[in-house]
Amino acid sequence: YRALVDDVFRLAALGFVTRNGAVIRPQRTPDEQRAIVQDVFVRAFSERARLAYDGLRPYRPYLLTIARNVMIDRARARTAEQARTSEV
C-alpha cells in the first residue's frame, strides 16, 4: 500500500485517456481522490483480485489497471446518473 498509494493518487488527480480515446477526467477535490484510492485498494485486496494476481508480474501495473477500471466505472455511473436526471 505505502509503496503505491502515491501512484494511485496521481492517477486520480491527473486523469487519463483510454485506448479508444475517451477522456477520464481528473478528480479535482481531495475527497474525490481519497474515495478513488479507497475503492482501488478495497478492490485490489478483495479475494477475487488476490486470486487473479499471479505474483509473477510487477504489481504496480496490475494495481494501476484496477485504478483505471475504478475511475472508468465511476465515470460511467456519473454519465448514467446524469442521463436519468435529465430525463425527469
Protein backbone atom coordinates (compact mmCIF):
# COMPACT_ATOMS: atom_id res chain seq x y z
CA TYR A 1 0.00 0.00 0.00
CA ARG A 2 2.59 2.55 1.09
CA ALA A 3 4.79 1.90 -1.94
CA LEU A 4 1.99 2.53 -4.45
CA VAL A 5 -0.60 4.81 -2.86
CA ASP A 6 1.02 7.94 -4.32
CA ASP A 7 0.80 6.47 -7.83
CA VAL A 8 -2.92 5.85 -7.38
CA PHE A 9 -3.44 9.40 -6.03
CA ARG A 10 -1.52 10.78 -9.03
CA LEU A 11 -3.74 8.89 -11.48
CA ALA A 12 -6.86 10.14 -9.71
CA ALA A 13 -5.55 13.71 -9.72
CA LEU A 14 -4.45 13.73 -13.36
CA GLY A 15 -6.99 11.51 -15.11
CA PHE A 16 -6.11 9.67 -18.31
CA VAL A 17 -7.18 8.89 -21.86
CA THR A 18 -8.40 5.37 -22.64
CA ARG A 19 -7.22 3.34 -25.60
CA ASN A 20 -10.35 4.28 -27.53
CA GLY A 21 -9.77 7.99 -26.87
CA ALA A 22 -12.27 8.55 -24.06
CA VAL A 23 -11.09 11.13 -21.56
CA ILE A 24 -11.42 10.15 -17.91
CA ARG A 25 -11.38 13.43 -16.09
CA PRO A 26 -9.25 14.03 -13.01
CA GLN A 27 -10.88 14.03 -9.61
CA ARG A 28 -10.46 17.61 -8.51
CA THR A 29 -11.22 17.55 -4.81
CA PRO A 30 -9.13 15.74 -2.21
CA ASP A 31 -12.29 13.94 -1.03
CA GLU A 32 -12.93 12.56 -4.53
CA GLN A 33 -9.29 11.50 -4.82
CA ARG A 34 -9.38 9.75 -1.43
CA ALA A 35 -12.58 7.95 -2.43
CA ILE A 36 -10.91 6.67 -5.61
CA VAL A 37 -7.86 5.49 -3.67
CA GLN A 38 -10.04 3.73 -1.12
CA ASP A 39 -12.09 2.00 -3.81
CA VAL A 40 -8.93 0.91 -5.63
CA PHE A 41 -7.37 -0.70 -2.59
CA VAL A 42 -10.62 -2.29 -1.46
CA ARG A 43 -10.89 -3.88 -4.90
CA ALA A 44 -7.17 -4.76 -5.04
CA PHE A 45 -7.30 -6.51 -1.66
CA SER A 46 -10.52 -8.38 -2.42
CA GLU A 47 -10.32 -12.15 -2.64
CA ARG A 48 -11.13 -12.10 -6.35
CA ALA A 49 -8.27 -9.70 -7.15
CA ARG A 50 -5.80 -11.52 -4.92
CA LEU A 51 -6.60 -14.80 -6.68
CA ALA A 52 -6.30 -13.15 -10.12
CA TYR A 53 -2.81 -11.79 -9.46
CA ASP A 54 -0.18 -14.40 -10.28
CA GLY A 55 2.68 -12.87 -8.30
CA LEU A 56 5.00 -13.12 -11.30
CA ARG A 57 4.20 -9.83 -12.99
CA PRO A 58 5.06 -6.48 -11.41
CA TYR A 59 2.27 -5.38 -9.07
CA ARG A 60 2.27 -1.66 -9.94
CA PRO A 61 0.82 -2.06 -13.48
CA TYR A 62 -1.76 -4.50 -12.13
CA LEU A 63 -2.82 -2.04 -9.43
CA LEU A 64 -2.96 0.90 -11.85
CA THR A 65 -5.18 -1.17 -14.14
CA ILE A 66 -7.53 -1.65 -11.22
CA ALA A 67 -7.37 2.11 -10.58
CA ARG A 68 -8.21 2.91 -14.19
CA ASN A 69 -11.12 0.46 -14.08
CA VAL A 70 -12.45 2.06 -10.89
CA MET A 71 -12.27 5.50 -12.49
CA ILE A 72 -13.97 4.27 -15.67
CA ASP A 73 -16.73 2.64 -13.62
CA ARG A 74 -17.28 5.90 -11.71
CA ALA A 75 -17.36 7.92 -14.95
CA ARG A 76 -19.95 5.55 -16.40
CA ALA A 77 -22.05 5.78 -13.24
CA ARG A 78 -21.92 9.61 -13.40
CA THR A 79 -22.99 9.55 -17.05
CA ALA A 80 -25.87 7.19 -16.29
CA GLU A 81 -26.97 9.35 -13.35
CA GLN A 82 -26.86 12.49 -15.47
CA ALA A 83 -28.95 10.77 -18.14
CA ARG A 84 -31.54 9.70 -15.54
CA THR A 85 -31.78 13.16 -14.01
CA SER A 86 -32.05 14.93 -17.36
CA GLU A 87 -34.97 12.69 -18.39
CA VAL A 88 -37.01 13.79 -15.38
